[in-house]
Amino acid sequence: MTVIYTTHALHPGASALLREAGEMRIASAPDPETLTRECRDADILIVRAPIPRELFHAQTRLRLAVRHGAGLDWIPIDAATEAGVLVANVPGVNARTVAEHVMFGAMAVLRRFRSVDRDLRQKGWNAGRAHADQASELADKTIGILGLGNIGRNLAVIARNGFGMTVLATTRSGSALPEGIASRSLDELMAESDIVALCCPLTPETRGVVDARRLDLMKPTAVLVNVSRGAVIDDEALIEALGAGRIGGAVLDVFAEQPLAADHPYFSFDNVVITPHMAGITEESMMRMGIGAAEETLRVLAGELPVNLRNPEVVERYRQRFSSIPA
């Protein structure tokens, strides 16, 4: 019996597809020890939580680790490759979802939603309404986007066409940008933008890239939005900048350590909107990610390679493990 093991429950449509292909098991807990133990006899692993390297050393049947989404930093690809396991993902399917979240968060900070909501509930109508005089609009502002992949490009379209914003971008490749987007160095982007949106992958180059020096470049009214990974920001520097009132606020969906501690300093700021790593999660995106992961699973079980194979160097080793796979 084929065993399909997933770290978390999937959309019902995806689950229905997978149950036709084998026995579907959901992790009893997402901690490294549990995942390693429970995945030992799995043929397919669907990833919605960080995967320990040890998992790939502790099994013999695993064919595919497929990311439920785009980000691959939760899968130690070198360990999977060494073990002869295919790695795939489902890129782009929640890009619009995340881009919408950026605009939602930026608007919440600019319209002082946390203060309005709190005072309206606790002090009454006029107390809540009083914050409106200091609120601000998105129209005619400048948004700077670090990382112009699927999320960044969707965000650029929404910001430019939906809100009349000027769009700046910094990319790793330095290649030509789409029409209507101006290229800037990261320092220039930090200094010129009213909204700074971090949409880049976590790499050695982006780890800690938003540090004290770059935060000091930002306008005192600017809002920092992070839908990338928590580690791209120096937390101590951002907390210090917020405490000193040197920037206008922040929207944080991801954190270097998750879940965020209940007494974390970020919770003390009215101009910080915090969400629990959910920017890419809606009913619609869960369906798209789940179906995409299921389709890659079915391809591999049918003897094909994934469409979105992320470690092509593993193919020879993989075919040695499963000699029935056609060339």
Protein backbone atom coordinates (compact mmCIF):
# COMPACT_ATOMS: atom_id res chain seq x y z
CA MET A 1 0.00 0.00 0.00
CA THR A 2 1.32 3.42 -0.98
CA VAL A 3 1.58 5.71 2.05
CA ILE A 4 1.15 9.47 1.58
CA TYR A 5 2.19 11.34 4.72
CA THR A 6 1.38 15.01 5.24
CA THR A 7 2.56 17.25 8.07
CA HIS A 8 -0.88 18.92 8.27
CA ALA A 9 -4.41 18.40 7.00
CA LEU A 10 -5.03 19.35 3.37
CA HIS A 11 -7.93 20.87 1.47
CA PRO A 12 -10.74 18.30 1.03
CA GLY A 13 -10.33 18.35 -2.74
CA ALA A 14 -6.65 17.46 -2.45
CA SER A 15 -7.33 14.79 0.15
CA ALA A 16 -9.91 13.16 -2.11
CA LEU A 17 -7.38 12.91 -4.93
CA LEU A 18 -4.71 11.44 -2.69
CA ARG A 19 -6.96 8.87 -1.05
CA GLU A 20 -7.53 7.35 -4.47
CA ALA A 21 -3.78 6.81 -4.79
CA GLY A 22 -2.98 5.31 -1.40
CA GLU A 23 -3.31 5.50 2.36
CA MET A 24 -3.19 9.08 3.54
CA ARG A 25 -1.76 9.81 6.98
CA ILE A 26 -1.62 13.13 8.82
CA ALA A 27 1.16 13.82 11.33
CA SER A 28 0.05 13.56 14.93
CA ALA A 29 2.35 16.53 15.70
CA PRO A 30 4.69 18.66 13.56
CA ASP A 31 7.79 18.40 15.77
CA PRO A 32 10.99 16.93 14.25
CA GLU A 33 10.98 13.71 16.30
CA THR A 34 7.37 12.89 15.45
CA LEU A 35 7.79 13.63 11.75
CA THR A 36 10.94 11.51 11.53
CA ARG A 37 9.33 8.57 13.33
CA GLU A 38 5.98 8.63 11.54
CA CYS A 39 7.42 9.15 8.05
CA ARG A 40 9.62 6.05 8.09
CA ASP A 41 7.37 3.95 5.87
CA ALA A 42 6.00 6.76 3.71
CA ASP A 43 6.32 6.91 -0.07
CA ILE A 44 5.33 10.57 -0.36
CA LEU A 45 5.84 13.47 2.06
CA ILE A 46 3.74 16.63 1.75
CA VAL A 47 5.44 19.50 3.57
CA ARG A 48 3.68 22.22 5.55
CA ALA A 49 6.21 22.37 8.42
CA PRO A 50 10.02 22.44 8.74
CA ILE A 51 11.50 19.04 7.97
CA PRO A 52 14.55 17.80 9.91
CA ARG A 53 17.53 16.45 8.01
CA GLU A 54 17.32 13.24 10.01
CA LEU A 55 14.01 12.38 8.37
CA PHE A 56 15.72 11.67 5.05
CA HIS A 57 18.28 9.41 6.71
CA ALA A 58 15.67 7.38 8.58
CA GLN A 59 13.62 5.91 5.74
CA THR A 60 14.03 3.77 2.63
CA ARG A 61 10.74 4.12 0.72
CA LEU A 62 10.41 7.88 0.33
CA ARG A 63 10.20 9.01 -3.29
CA LEU A 64 9.05 12.62 -3.09
CA ALA A 65 8.98 15.55 -0.66
CA VAL A 66 6.60 18.11 -2.11
CA ARG A 67 6.16 21.54 -0.60
CA HIS A 68 2.59 22.64 -0.06
CA GLY A 69 3.38 26.09 -1.48
CA ALA A 70 6.48 27.73 -2.88
CA GLY A 71 9.09 28.33 -0.15
CA LEU A 72 11.73 25.62 0.02
CA ASP A 73 13.63 26.70 3.12
CA TRP A 74 11.63 24.16 5.19
CA ILE A 75 13.13 21.27 3.20
CA PRO A 76 16.87 20.46 3.54
CA ILE A 77 17.28 19.84 -0.16
CA ASP A 78 20.86 18.61 0.09
CA ALA A 79 19.81 15.91 2.58
CA ALA A 80 16.92 14.89 0.33
CA THR A 81 19.24 14.73 -2.67
CA GLU A 82 21.79 12.65 -0.79
CA ALA A 83 18.99 10.23 0.11
CA GLY A 84 17.79 10.04 -3.50
CA VAL A 85 14.48 11.79 -2.82
CA LEU A 86 12.82 14.12 -5.33
CA VAL A 87 11.91 17.61 -4.09
CA ALA A 88 9.14 19.64 -5.69
CA ASN A 89 6.99 22.65 -4.87
CA VAL A 90 3.91 24.46 -6.11
CA PRO A 91 5.11 27.93 -7.07
CA GLY A 92 2.89 30.91 -7.69
CA VAL A 93 -0.43 29.48 -6.54
CA ASN A 94 -0.73 31.76 -3.48
CA ALA A 95 1.17 34.75 -4.86
CA ARG A 96 -1.96 36.85 -5.28
CA THR A 97 -3.09 35.83 -1.80
CA VAL A 98 0.15 37.08 -0.22
CA ALA A 99 0.13 40.25 -2.32
CA GLU A 100 -3.37 41.08 -1.11
CA HIS A 101 -2.20 40.56 2.47
CA VAL A 102 0.55 43.15 1.98
CA MET A 103 -2.01 45.77 0.98
CA PHE A 104 -4.36 44.74 3.81
CA GLY A 105 -1.58 45.14 6.38
CA ALA A 106 -0.29 48.43 4.99
CA MET A 107 -3.78 49.88 5.01
CA ALA A 108 -4.38 48.67 8.57
CA VAL A 109 -1.30 50.54 9.78
CA LEU A 110 -1.94 53.69 7.75
CA ARG A 111 -5.58 53.83 8.88
CA ARG A 112 -4.52 53.13 12.50
CA PHE A 113 -6.86 50.16 12.65
CA ARG A 114 -5.52 48.61 15.86
CA SER A 115 -5.94 51.85 17.82
CA VAL A 116 -9.31 52.60 16.26
CA ASP A 117 -10.66 49.13 16.99
CA ARG A 118 -9.36 49.05 20.55
CA ASP A 119 -10.63 52.49 21.52
CA LEU A 120 -13.96 52.06 19.76
CA ARG A 121 -14.61 48.89 21.75
CA GLN A 122 -13.26 50.15 25.09
CA LYS A 123 -13.92 53.91 25.08
CA GLY A 124 -16.70 54.45 22.59
CA TRP A 125 -17.50 55.87 19.18
CA ASN A 126 -15.80 59.25 19.43
CA ALA A 127 -12.60 57.83 20.92
CA GLY A 128 -12.25 55.43 18.01
CA ARG A 129 -13.13 58.03 15.41
CA ALA A 130 -10.58 60.49 16.75
CA HIS A 131 -7.74 58.44 15.23
CA ALA A 132 -9.01 59.12 11.71
CA ASP A 133 -7.48 62.59 11.65
CA GLN A 134 -3.99 61.05 11.65
CA ALA A 135 -4.81 58.28 9.17
CA SER A 136 -3.27 58.17 5.71
CA GLU A 137 -4.08 56.83 2.23
CA LEU A 138 -2.18 54.54 -0.12
CA ALA A 139 -2.93 56.59 -3.23
CA ASP A 140 0.08 58.44 -4.68
CA LYS A 141 2.49 56.82 -2.25
CA THR A 142 5.59 54.86 -3.25
CA ILE A 143 5.91 51.15 -2.58
CA GLY A 144 9.32 49.51 -2.71
CA ILE A 145 9.41 45.75 -3.29
CA LEU A 146 12.41 43.61 -2.38
CA GLY A 147 12.13 40.51 -4.55
CA LEU A 148 10.18 40.50 -7.80
CA GLY A 149 9.15 36.88 -8.05
CA ASN A 150 5.54 35.76 -8.30
CA ILE A 151 4.49 37.58 -5.13
CA GLY A 152 6.37 40.75 -5.93
CA ARG A 153 4.96 40.95 -9.45
CA ASN A 154 1.41 40.44 -8.25
CA LEU A 155 1.95 43.09 -5.61
CA ALA A 156 3.31 45.53 -8.17
CA VAL A 157 0.20 45.16 -10.35
CA ILE A 158 -2.19 45.62 -7.41
CA ALA A 159 -0.29 48.65 -6.06
CA ARG A 160 0.12 50.39 -9.41
CA ASN A 161 -3.21 49.61 -11.06
CA GLY A 162 -5.43 49.37 -8.00
CA PHE A 163 -4.09 52.16 -5.81
CA GLY A 164 -2.19 54.47 -8.16
CA MET A 165 1.10 53.92 -6.35
CA THR A 166 4.60 54.42 -7.69
CA VAL A 167 6.40 51.05 -7.70
CA LEU A 168 10.12 50.57 -7.05
CA ALA A 169 11.86 47.21 -6.95
CA THR A 170 15.14 45.56 -6.07
CA THR A 171 15.92 42.15 -7.54
CA ARG A 172 18.81 39.73 -7.16
CA SER A 173 19.24 39.25 -10.90
CA GLY A 174 19.32 42.92 -11.81
CA SER A 175 17.46 42.03 -15.01
CA ALA A 176 15.09 44.38 -16.78
CA LEU A 177 11.91 45.06 -14.83
CA PRO A 178 8.36 45.06 -16.19
CA GLU A 179 7.03 48.31 -17.58
CA GLY A 180 5.98 50.76 -14.88
CA ILE A 181 8.42 49.47 -12.24
CA ALA A 182 11.56 51.46 -11.50
CA SER A 183 14.77 49.73 -10.44
CA ARG A 184 16.53 50.84 -7.29
CA SER A 185 19.35 49.61 -5.10
CA LEU A 186 18.12 48.35 -1.74
CA ASP A 187 19.43 51.43 0.05
CA GLU A 188 17.66 53.70 -2.43
CA LEU A 189 14.48 51.69 -2.11
CA MET A 190 14.52 51.91 1.69
CA ALA A 191 15.02 55.68 1.55
CA GLU A 192 12.44 56.51 -1.11
CA SER A 193 9.54 54.20 -0.23
CA ASP A 194 6.48 54.89 1.89
CA ILE A 195 5.79 51.15 2.04
CA VAL A 196 8.69 48.66 1.99
CA ALA A 197 7.52 45.14 1.16
CA LEU A 198 9.87 42.22 1.74
CA CYS A 199 8.95 39.46 -0.73
CA CYS A 200 12.34 37.81 -1.20
CA PRO A 201 13.38 34.22 -0.41
CA LEU A 202 15.57 33.58 2.61
CA THR A 203 19.14 33.10 1.40
CA PRO A 204 22.57 33.80 2.91
CA GLU A 205 22.44 37.17 1.13
CA THR A 206 19.01 38.17 2.46
CA ARG A 207 19.42 36.94 6.04
CA GLY A 208 19.46 40.05 8.23
CA VAL A 209 19.39 42.31 5.18
CA VAL A 210 17.06 44.78 6.93
CA ASP A 211 19.40 45.89 9.69
CA ALA A 212 19.78 49.02 11.82
CA ARG A 213 21.58 50.93 9.07
CA ARG A 214 18.87 50.27 6.51
CA LEU A 215 16.07 50.99 8.96
CA ASP A 216 17.68 54.37 9.59
CA LEU A 217 17.33 55.10 5.87
CA MET A 218 13.54 54.79 5.99
CA LYS A 219 11.19 57.75 6.16
CA PRO A 220 9.80 58.38 9.67
CA THR A 221 6.31 57.70 8.29
CA ALA A 222 7.23 54.57 6.27
CA VAL A 223 5.76 51.12 6.93
CA LEU A 224 7.81 47.91 6.72
CA VAL A 225 5.90 44.80 5.57
CA ASN A 226 7.45 41.34 5.84
CA VAL A 227 5.83 38.39 4.05
CA SER A 228 9.19 36.80 3.28
CA ARG A 229 10.85 35.03 6.20
CA GLY A 230 11.43 36.40 9.68
CA ALA A 231 15.20 36.12 9.50
CA VAL A 232 15.52 38.77 6.77
CA ILE A 233 14.96 41.36 9.52
CA ASP A 234 17.24 42.11 12.45
CA ASP A 235 14.55 41.96 15.16
CA GLU A 236 16.48 43.92 17.77
CA ALA A 237 17.09 46.73 15.29
CA LEU A 238 13.42 46.86 14.26
CA ILE A 239 12.21 46.86 17.87
CA GLU A 240 14.58 49.71 18.64
CA ALA A 241 13.44 51.69 15.58
CA LEU A 242 9.77 51.22 16.48
CA GLY A 243 10.37 52.16 20.09
CA ALA A 244 12.17 55.34 19.05
CA GLY A 245 9.44 56.26 16.57
CA ARG A 246 11.90 56.29 13.67
CA ILE A 247 9.51 54.52 11.29
CA GLY A 248 5.75 54.66 10.89
CA GLY A 249 5.01 51.02 11.65
CA ALA A 250 5.36 47.43 10.55
CA VAL A 251 3.31 44.52 9.23
CA LEU A 252 4.85 41.20 10.26
CA ASP A 253 3.56 37.80 9.16
CA VAL A 254 6.75 35.78 9.62
CA PHE A 255 9.29 35.55 12.43
CA ALA A 256 12.73 34.09 13.00
CA GLU A 257 11.25 31.87 15.72
CA GLN A 258 7.69 30.66 15.39
CA PRO A 259 5.27 30.72 17.05
CA LEU A 260 5.98 34.21 18.34
CA ALA A 261 6.22 34.33 22.13
CA ALA A 262 3.15 35.83 23.80
CA ASP A 263 5.29 38.43 25.59
CA HIS A 264 7.30 39.44 22.52
CA PRO A 265 7.94 43.22 22.29
CA TYR A 266 6.25 43.40 18.88
CA PHE A 267 2.88 42.97 20.61
CA SER A 268 3.38 46.20 22.55
CA PHE A 269 3.21 48.51 19.53
CA ASP A 270 -0.11 49.88 18.27
CA ASN A 271 1.49 50.57 14.89
CA VAL A 272 2.51 46.95 14.34
CA VAL A 273 0.10 44.49 12.70
CA ILE A 274 1.01 40.88 13.53
CA THR A 275 -0.39 37.81 11.81
CA PRO A 276 0.59 34.16 12.47
CA HIS A 277 2.28 33.22 9.17
CA MET A 278 -1.02 33.27 7.30
CA ALA A 279 -0.43 35.74 4.47
CA GLY A 280 -0.68 32.97 1.89
CA ILE A 281 -3.56 31.08 3.46
CA THR A 282 -7.16 31.43 2.35
CA GLU A 283 -9.75 28.82 1.47
CA GLU A 284 -8.99 29.41 -2.20
CA SER A 285 -5.21 29.25 -1.90
CA MET A 286 -5.40 26.12 0.27
CA MET A 287 -7.31 24.44 -2.53
CA ARG A 288 -4.75 25.52 -5.15
CA MET A 289 -1.75 24.50 -3.06
CA GLY A 290 -3.30 21.20 -2.03
CA ILE A 291 -4.38 20.27 -5.54
CA GLY A 292 -0.96 21.23 -6.88
CA ALA A 293 0.84 19.05 -4.32
CA ALA A 294 -1.56 16.18 -5.05
CA GLU A 295 -0.97 16.44 -8.79
CA GLU A 296 2.80 16.27 -8.32
CA THR A 297 2.28 13.25 -6.06
CA LEU A 298 0.20 11.46 -8.68
CA ARG A 299 2.81 12.15 -11.35
CA VAL A 300 5.57 10.58 -9.30
CA LEU A 301 3.45 7.58 -8.36
CA ALA A 302 2.72 7.11 -12.08
CA GLY A 303 6.45 6.90 -12.82
CA GLU A 304 6.94 10.47 -14.01
CA LEU A 305 9.10 13.27 -12.64
CA PRO A 306 7.53 16.32 -11.00
CA VAL A 307 6.80 19.33 -13.20
CA ASN A 308 8.36 21.58 -10.56
CA LEU A 309 11.38 19.43 -9.71
CA ARG A 310 13.76 21.49 -7.55
CA ASN A 311 16.72 19.12 -7.28
CA PRO A 312 17.26 17.76 -10.82
CA GLU A 313 20.70 16.50 -9.81
CA VAL A 314 18.95 13.74 -7.81
CA VAL A 315 17.36 12.05 -10.83
CA GLU A 316 20.11 9.49 -11.49
CA ARG A 317 20.28 8.49 -7.84
CA TYR A 318 16.47 8.37 -7.68
CA ARG A 319 16.28 6.07 -10.68
CA GLN A 320 18.86 3.79 -9.13
CA ARG A 321 16.64 3.48 -6.06
CA PHE A 322 13.55 2.84 -8.12
CA SER A 323 14.84 1.04 -11.19
CA SER A 324 11.36 0.66 -12.69
CA ILE A 325 11.19 4.43 -13.33
CA PRO A 326 11.47 5.07 -17.09
CA ALA A 327 14.30 7.26 -18.39
